[in-house]
Structure formats: structure tokens, C-alpha cells
Amino acid sequence: MGLQSLLVTSDPQVINVLQPTLEQLAIGVEICRGAEAGNEILLSEKFDGVIVDCDDLEGGLEVLERLKKGTSNKNSVAFAILNGTSMQRAFELGANFVLQKPVSPKNSLRCFSAAVGFMTRERRRYFRHAVDMEVKLVRADGREFAARATNLSEGGVAIHFGGKLPRGGFTTAVFHLPGQTASIECPSEVAWADGSGRAGIRFGEMSAVAREQLDRWLAEQMDRVDQDEK
């Protein structure tokens, strides 16, 4: 799935300008014409970018404010469309980019072109890829335990241990990415565990080489997913 956005507005002129602009940049757009409905959508769906008509949609400013206080989309790139509210106020409420009405194709293209990189980084941050690979977990005392990874992201890995996890935290995770020969070794800690052998391992700060290797591999998997869905 490529980049996805939610446009919350009832203004036909805004829709007529932004929809083709977003499509030109290969950003999918879901249009919502009400603030209340927009809030409901943001509770259940994840978007890379959220565009809110703050002044000419009743409740628009509240959508922007609630966006950053929620969980699903608090890190999404937020765009505020203004027609009276100050830019300073919009940024205080969490906007990352601002568009002033009347919205023009030229200005909107410039704005969203600048934002694509931020949206892509956010998508990579939450992207999780299903895997089936061995992960070696090392404790501070040097003891090692083998687990199976079920999904992997840039921030951590979900594992199944086949029983209860031993007491005491892990300090290092070691694994080979599918199709890769070099291993990745990084500091780690248990982020959560359900008591039946399933747990989430959070990565600490990796070496530059390991981080580049993991990010490149995840980007390749994202590209494959996008190609498969076209």
C-alpha cells in the first residue's frame, strides 16, 4: 500500500484542487466531509497524512487538535487549511504544514511535494513486515535463548518463544534478515510479554551499518507490497 491521506473538508474547491494534486504525487486520498465523521475515521484507520479544513468546516480545528492527542494518527503528518486562523495557532495545535485559502494547484503541489519525505519516513516507522526467522536473545549474564520472529519493524520485532520467557531482561538481539548474509546485532529490551511465550522486543540504538541494513531491507519489502497491490 502506498502513501495514504485523509482529507477532512466539505469545500468543493479544496477537493477539486487537492484530489488531483495528491494523485499526481501517488498519494491515495480518502475524503470525509464532516468533522465528527473524520474523528471517527481517525480512531480506526491509520494515515500517513491528515489534511483538515480548519476554518470553513464546523469542528475542523478540533479535528486537528484531537489528531495529536489520539493514538492511531498522532505521528501522522498534519496539514491545516486556513481561512482566518493564524499559522501560529495551527502549528500550536500540531500542524506540520499549512495551506491558506484559496488553495491553488501550484501552492498545494509545492506543499505536498515537500511533505512526501516526511510521510514516507512515518510510514516506514510503523510498517511491520511478517517474517519467520530465528532471533537469538542474549541476557546480561551471557545466556542465550532462541526465539522465532513473527514480524519486524524498524523499532523492534515480535517473537514467539514456545513457552514462558525466562525471567530477567535481554540486552542484545541477533538475527539474519531473510536473504541477507550479514547478521544484525543490536541492544534490545522486552517491550511487552503476554505470559505465553509471545513478546515484543524493542531495539535500542544500532550501529550505523546495522541501521542502514535494516532500513534498506524494510524499504525493499514495502516496495514489494506496493507493487503486489497495484
C-alpha atoms as a PDB file:
ATOM      1  CA  MET A   1       0.000   0.000   0.000  1.00  0.00           C
ATOM      2  CA  GLY A   2       1.352   3.416  -0.978  1.00  0.00           C
ATOM      3  CA  LEU A   3       1.072   6.639   0.996  1.00  0.00           C
ATOM      4  CA  GLN A   4      -2.455   7.293   2.242  1.00  0.00           C
ATOM      5  CA  SER A   5      -4.096  10.524   3.329  1.00  0.00           C
ATOM      6  CA  LEU A   6      -7.390  11.673   4.807  1.00  0.00           C
ATOM      7  CA  LEU A   7      -8.872  14.971   3.614  1.00  0.00           C
ATOM      8  CA  VAL A   8     -11.460  16.401   6.025  1.00  0.00           C
ATOM      9  CA  THR A   9     -13.379  19.178   4.246  1.00  0.00           C
ATOM     10  CA  SER A  10     -16.764  19.993   2.743  1.00  0.00           C
ATOM     11  CA  ASP A  11     -15.349  22.667   0.436  1.00  0.00           C
ATOM     12  CA  PRO A  12     -15.713  21.561  -3.235  1.00  0.00           C
ATOM     13  CA  GLN A  13     -12.936  23.936  -4.356  1.00  0.00           C
ATOM     14  CA  VAL A  14     -10.477  22.373  -1.908  1.00  0.00           C
ATOM     15  CA  ILE A  15     -11.439  18.869  -3.028  1.00  0.00           C
ATOM     16  CA  ASN A  16     -11.162  19.782  -6.723  1.00  0.00           C
ATOM     17  CA  VAL A  17      -7.651  21.154  -6.215  1.00  0.00           C
ATOM     18  CA  LEU A  18      -6.188  18.709  -3.700  1.00  0.00           C
ATOM     19  CA  GLN A  19      -7.505  15.420  -5.048  1.00  0.00           C
ATOM     20  CA  PRO A  20      -5.649  15.616  -8.405  1.00  0.00           C
ATOM     21  CA  THR A  21      -2.570  17.073  -6.669  1.00  0.00           C
ATOM     22  CA  LEU A  22      -2.372  14.133  -4.281  1.00  0.00           C
ATOM     23  CA  GLU A  23      -2.992  11.653  -7.083  1.00  0.00           C
ATOM     24  CA  GLN A  24      -0.204  13.282  -9.095  1.00  0.00           C
ATOM     25  CA  LEU A  25       2.169  12.515  -6.190  1.00  0.00           C
ATOM     26  CA  ALA A  26       0.842   8.936  -5.878  1.00  0.00           C
ATOM     27  CA  ILE A  27      -0.771   9.703  -2.517  1.00  0.00           C
ATOM     28  CA  GLY A  28      -4.085   7.961  -2.004  1.00  0.00           C
ATOM     29  CA  VAL A  29      -6.813  10.184  -0.569  1.00  0.00           C
ATOM     30  CA  GLU A  30      -9.963   9.402   1.377  1.00  0.00           C
ATOM     31  CA  ILE A  31     -12.382  12.330   1.525  1.00  0.00           C
ATOM     32  CA  CYS A  32     -14.508  12.985   4.597  1.00  0.00           C
ATOM     33  CA  ARG A  33     -16.963  15.882   4.553  1.00  0.00           C
ATOM     34  CA  GLY A  34     -17.697  16.139   8.281  1.00  0.00           C
ATOM     35  CA  ALA A  35     -15.604  16.746  11.389  1.00  0.00           C
ATOM     36  CA  GLU A  36     -17.412  14.201  13.555  1.00  0.00           C
ATOM     37  CA  ALA A  37     -17.047  11.512  10.904  1.00  0.00           C
ATOM     38  CA  GLY A  38     -13.401  12.484  10.461  1.00  0.00           C
ATOM     39  CA  ASN A  39     -12.738  11.958  14.151  1.00  0.00           C
ATOM     40  CA  GLU A  40     -14.350   8.519  13.971  1.00  0.00           C
ATOM     41  CA  ILE A  41     -12.256   7.520  10.960  1.00  0.00           C
ATOM     42  CA  LEU A  42      -9.061   8.659  12.683  1.00  0.00           C
ATOM     43  CA  LEU A  43      -9.833   6.395  15.635  1.00  0.00           C
ATOM     44  CA  SER A  44      -9.940   3.277  13.482  1.00  0.00           C
ATOM     45  CA  GLU A  45      -7.695   3.873  10.453  1.00  0.00           C
ATOM     46  CA  LYS A  46      -4.037   4.811  10.033  1.00  0.00           C
ATOM     47  CA  PHE A  47      -2.990   7.557   7.597  1.00  0.00           C
ATOM     48  CA  ASP A  48       0.395   8.897   6.565  1.00  0.00           C
ATOM     49  CA  GLY A  49      -1.060  12.385   6.191  1.00  0.00           C
ATOM     50  CA  VAL A  50      -4.190  14.098   7.533  1.00  0.00           C
ATOM     51  CA  ILE A  51      -5.470  17.297   5.880  1.00  0.00           C
ATOM     52  CA  VAL A  52      -8.000  19.352   7.822  1.00  0.00           C
ATOM     53  CA  ASP A  53     -10.089  22.331   6.705  1.00  0.00           C
ATOM     54  CA  CYS A  54      -9.804  24.202   9.993  1.00  0.00           C
ATOM     55  CA  ASP A  55     -11.998  27.278   9.496  1.00  0.00           C
ATOM     56  CA  ASP A  56     -14.729  26.527   6.966  1.00  0.00           C
ATOM     57  CA  LEU A  57     -15.679  23.143   8.398  1.00  0.00           C
ATOM     58  CA  GLU A  58     -17.520  23.204  11.714  1.00  0.00           C
ATOM     59  CA  GLY A  59     -15.324  21.425  14.241  1.00  0.00           C
ATOM     60  CA  GLY A  60     -12.303  21.449  11.944  1.00  0.00           C
ATOM     61  CA  LEU A  61      -9.909  22.918  14.488  1.00  0.00           C
ATOM     62  CA  GLU A  62     -10.995  20.279  16.996  1.00  0.00           C
ATOM     63  CA  VAL A  63     -10.137  17.543  14.478  1.00  0.00           C
ATOM     64  CA  LEU A  64      -6.616  18.922  14.200  1.00  0.00           C
ATOM     65  CA  GLU A  65      -6.278  19.220  17.976  1.00  0.00           C
ATOM     66  CA  ARG A  66      -7.628  15.728  18.687  1.00  0.00           C
ATOM     67  CA  LEU A  67      -5.410  14.246  15.985  1.00  0.00           C
ATOM     68  CA  LYS A  68      -2.251  14.769  18.021  1.00  0.00           C
ATOM     69  CA  LYS A  69      -3.892  13.624  21.245  1.00  0.00           C
ATOM     70  CA  GLY A  70      -5.025  10.303  19.803  1.00  0.00           C
ATOM     71  CA  THR A  71      -3.052   7.120  19.327  1.00  0.00           C
ATOM     72  CA  SER A  72      -3.531   5.838  15.784  1.00  0.00           C
ATOM     73  CA  ASN A  73      -2.509   9.015  13.959  1.00  0.00           C
ATOM     74  CA  LYS A  74      -0.679  11.191  16.470  1.00  0.00           C
ATOM     75  CA  ASN A  75       2.526  10.880  14.416  1.00  0.00           C
ATOM     76  CA  SER A  76       0.864  11.355  11.041  1.00  0.00           C
ATOM     77  CA  VAL A  77       1.918  14.424   9.058  1.00  0.00           C
ATOM     78  CA  ALA A  78      -0.794  17.035   9.681  1.00  0.00           C
ATOM     79  CA  PHE A  79      -1.849  19.703   7.157  1.00  0.00           C
ATOM     80  CA  ALA A  80      -4.012  22.651   8.186  1.00  0.00           C
ATOM     81  CA  ILE A  81      -6.076  24.530   5.596  1.00  0.00           C
ATOM     82  CA  LEU A  82      -6.704  28.015   6.980  1.00  0.00           C
ATOM     83  CA  ASN A  83      -9.102  30.830   6.256  1.00  0.00           C
ATOM     84  CA  GLY A  84      -8.760  33.015   9.338  1.00  0.00           C
ATOM     85  CA  THR A  85      -6.926  31.011  11.989  1.00  0.00           C
ATOM     86  CA  SER A  86      -3.335  32.163  12.350  1.00  0.00           C
ATOM     87  CA  MET A  87      -0.475  29.964  11.223  1.00  0.00           C
ATOM     88  CA  GLN A  88       0.970  30.159  14.734  1.00  0.00           C
ATOM     89  CA  ARG A  89      -2.256  28.767  16.216  1.00  0.00           C
ATOM     90  CA  ALA A  90      -2.314  25.941  13.664  1.00  0.00           C
ATOM     91  CA  PHE A  91       1.256  24.964  14.483  1.00  0.00           C
ATOM     92  CA  GLU A  92       0.475  25.089  18.212  1.00  0.00           C
ATOM     93  CA  LEU A  93      -2.348  22.603  17.603  1.00  0.00           C
ATOM     94  CA  GLY A  94       0.028  20.196  15.855  1.00  0.00           C
ATOM     95  CA  ALA A  95       0.032  21.131  12.170  1.00  0.00           C
ATOM     96  CA  ASN A  96       3.233  20.304  10.308  1.00  0.00           C
ATOM     97  CA  PHE A  97       2.273  22.163   7.121  1.00  0.00           C
ATOM     98  CA  VAL A  98      -0.175  24.978   6.408  1.00  0.00           C
ATOM     99  CA  LEU A  99      -2.127  25.949   3.304  1.00  0.00           C
ATOM    100  CA  GLN A 100      -4.014  29.237   3.060  1.00  0.00           C
ATOM    101  CA  LYS A 101      -7.277  29.598   1.163  1.00  0.00           C
ATOM    102  CA  PRO A 102      -7.908  29.963  -1.658  1.00  0.00           C
ATOM    103  CA  VAL A 103      -5.903  26.789  -2.253  1.00  0.00           C
ATOM    104  CA  SER A 104      -4.137  26.802  -5.619  1.00  0.00           C
ATOM    105  CA  PRO A 105      -2.726  23.852  -7.579  1.00  0.00           C
ATOM    106  CA  LYS A 106       0.738  25.434  -7.565  1.00  0.00           C
ATOM    107  CA  ASN A 107       0.892  26.008  -3.810  1.00  0.00           C
ATOM    108  CA  SER A 108      -0.643  22.651  -2.945  1.00  0.00           C
ATOM    109  CA  LEU A 109       1.800  20.809  -5.196  1.00  0.00           C
ATOM    110  CA  ARG A 110       4.710  22.634  -3.586  1.00  0.00           C
ATOM    111  CA  CYS A 111       3.413  21.859  -0.089  1.00  0.00           C
ATOM    112  CA  PHE A 112       2.760  18.155  -0.608  1.00  0.00           C
ATOM    113  CA  SER A 113       5.947  17.628  -2.596  1.00  0.00           C
ATOM    114  CA  ALA A 114       7.862  18.946   0.416  1.00  0.00           C
ATOM    115  CA  ALA A 115       5.888  16.678   2.748  1.00  0.00           C
ATOM    116  CA  VAL A 116       6.284  13.386   0.863  1.00  0.00           C
ATOM    117  CA  GLY A 117       9.614  12.604   2.516  1.00  0.00           C
ATOM    118  CA  PHE A 118       8.141  13.128   5.995  1.00  0.00           C
ATOM    119  CA  MET A 119       5.148  10.945   5.173  1.00  0.00           C
ATOM    120  CA  THR A 120       7.385   8.190   3.817  1.00  0.00           C
ATOM    121  CA  ARG A 121       9.523   8.208   6.958  1.00  0.00           C
ATOM    122  CA  GLU A 122       6.416   7.980   9.122  1.00  0.00           C
ATOM    123  CA  ARG A 123       5.137   5.035   7.102  1.00  0.00           C
ATOM    124  CA  ARG A 124       8.449   3.231   7.471  1.00  0.00           C
ATOM    125  CA  ARG A 125       8.344   3.861  11.201  1.00  0.00           C
ATOM    126  CA  TYR A 126       5.099   1.966  11.710  1.00  0.00           C
ATOM    127  CA  PHE A 127       5.464  -0.546   8.832  1.00  0.00           C
ATOM    128  CA  ARG A 128       5.658  -4.134  10.091  1.00  0.00           C
ATOM    129  CA  HIS A 129       6.623  -6.995   7.830  1.00  0.00           C
ATOM    130  CA  ALA A 130       5.633 -10.589   8.571  1.00  0.00           C
ATOM    131  CA  VAL A 131       8.676 -12.849   8.903  1.00  0.00           C
ATOM    132  CA  ASP A 132       9.600 -16.327  10.082  1.00  0.00           C
ATOM    133  CA  MET A 133      13.206 -16.222  11.215  1.00  0.00           C
ATOM    134  CA  GLU A 134      15.292 -17.101  14.225  1.00  0.00           C
ATOM    135  CA  VAL A 135      16.271 -14.437  16.717  1.00  0.00           C
ATOM    136  CA  LYS A 136      18.959 -15.036  19.311  1.00  0.00           C
ATOM    137  CA  LEU A 137      18.377 -13.163  22.543  1.00  0.00           C
ATOM    138  CA  VAL A 138      21.316 -12.626  24.875  1.00  0.00           C
ATOM    139  CA  ARG A 139      20.995 -11.738  28.538  1.00  0.00           C
ATOM    140  CA  ALA A 140      23.382  -9.670  30.627  1.00  0.00           C
ATOM    141  CA  ASP A 141      24.861 -12.846  32.140  1.00  0.00           C
ATOM    142  CA  GLY A 142      25.719 -14.144  28.650  1.00  0.00           C
ATOM    143  CA  ARG A 143      22.994 -16.790  28.469  1.00  0.00           C
ATOM    144  CA  GLU A 144      21.399 -17.130  25.044  1.00  0.00           C
ATOM    145  CA  PHE A 145      17.865 -18.081  24.045  1.00  0.00           C
ATOM    146  CA  ALA A 146      16.443 -18.807  20.612  1.00  0.00           C
ATOM    147  CA  ALA A 147      13.066 -17.462  19.540  1.00  0.00           C
ATOM    148  CA  ARG A 148      11.105 -17.179  16.298  1.00  0.00           C
ATOM    149  CA  ALA A 149      10.297 -13.738  14.941  1.00  0.00           C
ATOM    150  CA  THR A 150       6.790 -13.228  13.564  1.00  0.00           C
ATOM    151  CA  ASN A 151       7.017  -9.621  12.369  1.00  0.00           C
ATOM    152  CA  LEU A 152       9.704  -6.978  12.124  1.00  0.00           C
ATOM    153  CA  SER A 153       9.763  -3.178  12.066  1.00  0.00           C
ATOM    154  CA  GLU A 154      12.463  -0.544  12.284  1.00  0.00           C
ATOM    155  CA  GLY A 155      11.805  -0.244  16.013  1.00  0.00           C
ATOM    156  CA  GLY A 156      11.573  -3.860  17.090  1.00  0.00           C
ATOM    157  CA  VAL A 157      10.484  -7.427  16.498  1.00  0.00           C
ATOM    158  CA  ALA A 158       7.607  -9.592  17.704  1.00  0.00           C
ATOM    159  CA  ILE A 159       8.699 -13.062  18.820  1.00  0.00           C
ATOM    160  CA  HIS A 160       7.310 -16.416  19.903  1.00  0.00           C
ATOM    161  CA  PHE A 161       9.395 -18.251  22.442  1.00  0.00           C
ATOM    162  CA  GLY A 162       7.446 -21.526  22.592  1.00  0.00           C
ATOM    163  CA  GLY A 163       6.855 -21.232  26.319  1.00  0.00           C
ATOM    164  CA  LYS A 164       7.286 -18.630  29.016  1.00  0.00           C
ATOM    165  CA  LEU A 165      10.089 -16.154  28.649  1.00  0.00           C
ATOM    166  CA  PRO A 166      12.817 -16.593  31.245  1.00  0.00           C
ATOM    167  CA  ARG A 167      12.947 -14.021  33.988  1.00  0.00           C
ATOM    168  CA  GLY A 168      15.330 -11.161  33.514  1.00  0.00           C
ATOM    169  CA  GLY A 169      15.666  -8.812  30.570  1.00  0.00           C
ATOM    170  CA  PHE A 170      17.625  -9.305  27.390  1.00  0.00           C
ATOM    171  CA  THR A 171      20.388  -6.925  26.404  1.00  0.00           C
ATOM    172  CA  THR A 172      21.089  -7.967  22.799  1.00  0.00           C
ATOM    173  CA  ALA A 173      19.163  -9.341  19.835  1.00  0.00           C
ATOM    174  CA  VAL A 174      20.986 -11.077  16.971  1.00  0.00           C
ATOM    175  CA  PHE A 175      19.329 -12.120  13.701  1.00  0.00           C
ATOM    176  CA  HIS A 176      19.820 -12.568   9.964  1.00  0.00           C
ATOM    177  CA  LEU A 177      17.352 -10.817   7.691  1.00  0.00           C
ATOM    178  CA  PRO A 178      15.779 -13.150   5.117  1.00  0.00           C
ATOM    179  CA  GLY A 179      18.013 -13.237   2.054  1.00  0.00           C
ATOM    180  CA  GLN A 180      20.884 -11.485   3.831  1.00  0.00           C
ATOM    181  CA  THR A 181      24.204 -12.993   4.890  1.00  0.00           C
ATOM    182  CA  ALA A 182      25.437 -10.424   7.410  1.00  0.00           C
ATOM    183  CA  SER A 183      23.857 -10.604  10.841  1.00  0.00           C
ATOM    184  CA  ILE A 184      22.364  -7.676  12.729  1.00  0.00           C
ATOM    185  CA  GLU A 185      23.233  -7.315  16.393  1.00  0.00           C
ATOM    186  CA  CYS A 186      21.667  -4.580  18.459  1.00  0.00           C
ATOM    187  CA  PRO A 187      20.798  -3.630  22.033  1.00  0.00           C
ATOM    188  CA  SER A 188      17.279  -4.705  22.973  1.00  0.00           C
ATOM    189  CA  GLU A 189      14.734  -4.895  25.741  1.00  0.00           C
ATOM    190  CA  VAL A 190      11.385  -6.592  26.288  1.00  0.00           C
ATOM    191  CA  ALA A 191       8.648  -4.080  25.458  1.00  0.00           C
ATOM    192  CA  TRP A 192       5.747  -6.394  26.291  1.00  0.00           C
ATOM    193  CA  ALA A 193       5.029 -10.066  27.008  1.00  0.00           C
ATOM    194  CA  ASP A 194       1.723 -11.916  27.321  1.00  0.00           C
ATOM    195  CA  GLY A 195       2.933 -14.755  29.533  1.00  0.00           C
ATOM    196  CA  SER A 196       2.555 -17.465  26.896  1.00  0.00           C
ATOM    197  CA  GLY A 197       5.824 -17.016  25.038  1.00  0.00           C
ATOM    198  CA  ARG A 198       4.766 -14.132  22.827  1.00  0.00           C
ATOM    199  CA  ALA A 199       6.585 -10.871  23.324  1.00  0.00           C
ATOM    200  CA  GLY A 200       7.716  -7.670  21.666  1.00  0.00           C
ATOM    201  CA  ILE A 201      11.394  -6.782  21.636  1.00  0.00           C
ATOM    202  CA  ARG A 202      12.271  -3.100  21.327  1.00  0.00           C
ATOM    203  CA  PHE A 203      15.543  -2.237  19.592  1.00  0.00           C
ATOM    204  CA  GLY A 204      17.989   0.201  21.148  1.00  0.00           C
ATOM    205  CA  GLU A 205      20.450   2.322  19.242  1.00  0.00           C
ATOM    206  CA  MET A 206      22.036   0.294  16.428  1.00  0.00           C
ATOM    207  CA  SER A 207      25.321   0.814  14.697  1.00  0.00           C
ATOM    208  CA  ALA A 208      25.103   2.893  11.532  1.00  0.00           C
ATOM    209  CA  VAL A 209      25.804  -0.177   9.402  1.00  0.00           C
ATOM    210  CA  ALA A 210      23.099  -2.265  11.071  1.00  0.00           C
ATOM    211  CA  ARG A 211      20.554   0.556  10.863  1.00  0.00           C
ATOM    212  CA  GLU A 212      21.240   1.089   7.171  1.00  0.00           C
ATOM    213  CA  GLN A 213      20.921  -2.654   6.516  1.00  0.00           C
ATOM    214  CA  LEU A 214      17.593  -2.942   8.350  1.00  0.00           C
ATOM    215  CA  ASP A 215      16.114   0.239   6.852  1.00  0.00           C
ATOM    216  CA  ARG A 216      17.121  -0.779   3.322  1.00  0.00           C
ATOM    217  CA  TRP A 217      15.615  -4.250   3.735  1.00  0.00           C
ATOM    218  CA  LEU A 218      12.340  -2.873   5.129  1.00  0.00           C
ATOM    219  CA  ALA A 219      12.136  -0.338   2.302  1.00  0.00           C
ATOM    220  CA  GLU A 220      12.508  -3.177  -0.215  1.00  0.00           C
ATOM    221  CA  GLN A 221       9.680  -5.090   1.459  1.00  0.00           C
ATOM    222  CA  MET A 222       7.459  -2.011   1.399  1.00  0.00           C
ATOM    223  CA  ASP A 223       8.146  -1.560  -2.308  1.00  0.00           C
ATOM    224  CA  ARG A 224       7.211  -5.195  -2.960  1.00  0.00           C
ATOM    225  CA  VAL A 225       3.968  -4.820  -1.060  1.00  0.00           C
ATOM    226  CA  ASP A 226       3.144  -1.713  -3.077  1.00  0.00           C
ATOM    227  CA  GLN A 227       3.901  -3.485  -6.360  1.00  0.00           C
ATOM    228  CA  ASP A 228       1.800  -6.515  -5.392  1.00  0.00           C
ATOM    229  CA  GLU A 229      -1.180  -4.282  -4.646  1.00  0.00           C
ATOM    230  CA  LYS A 230      -1.036  -2.403  -7.964  1.00  0.00           C
END
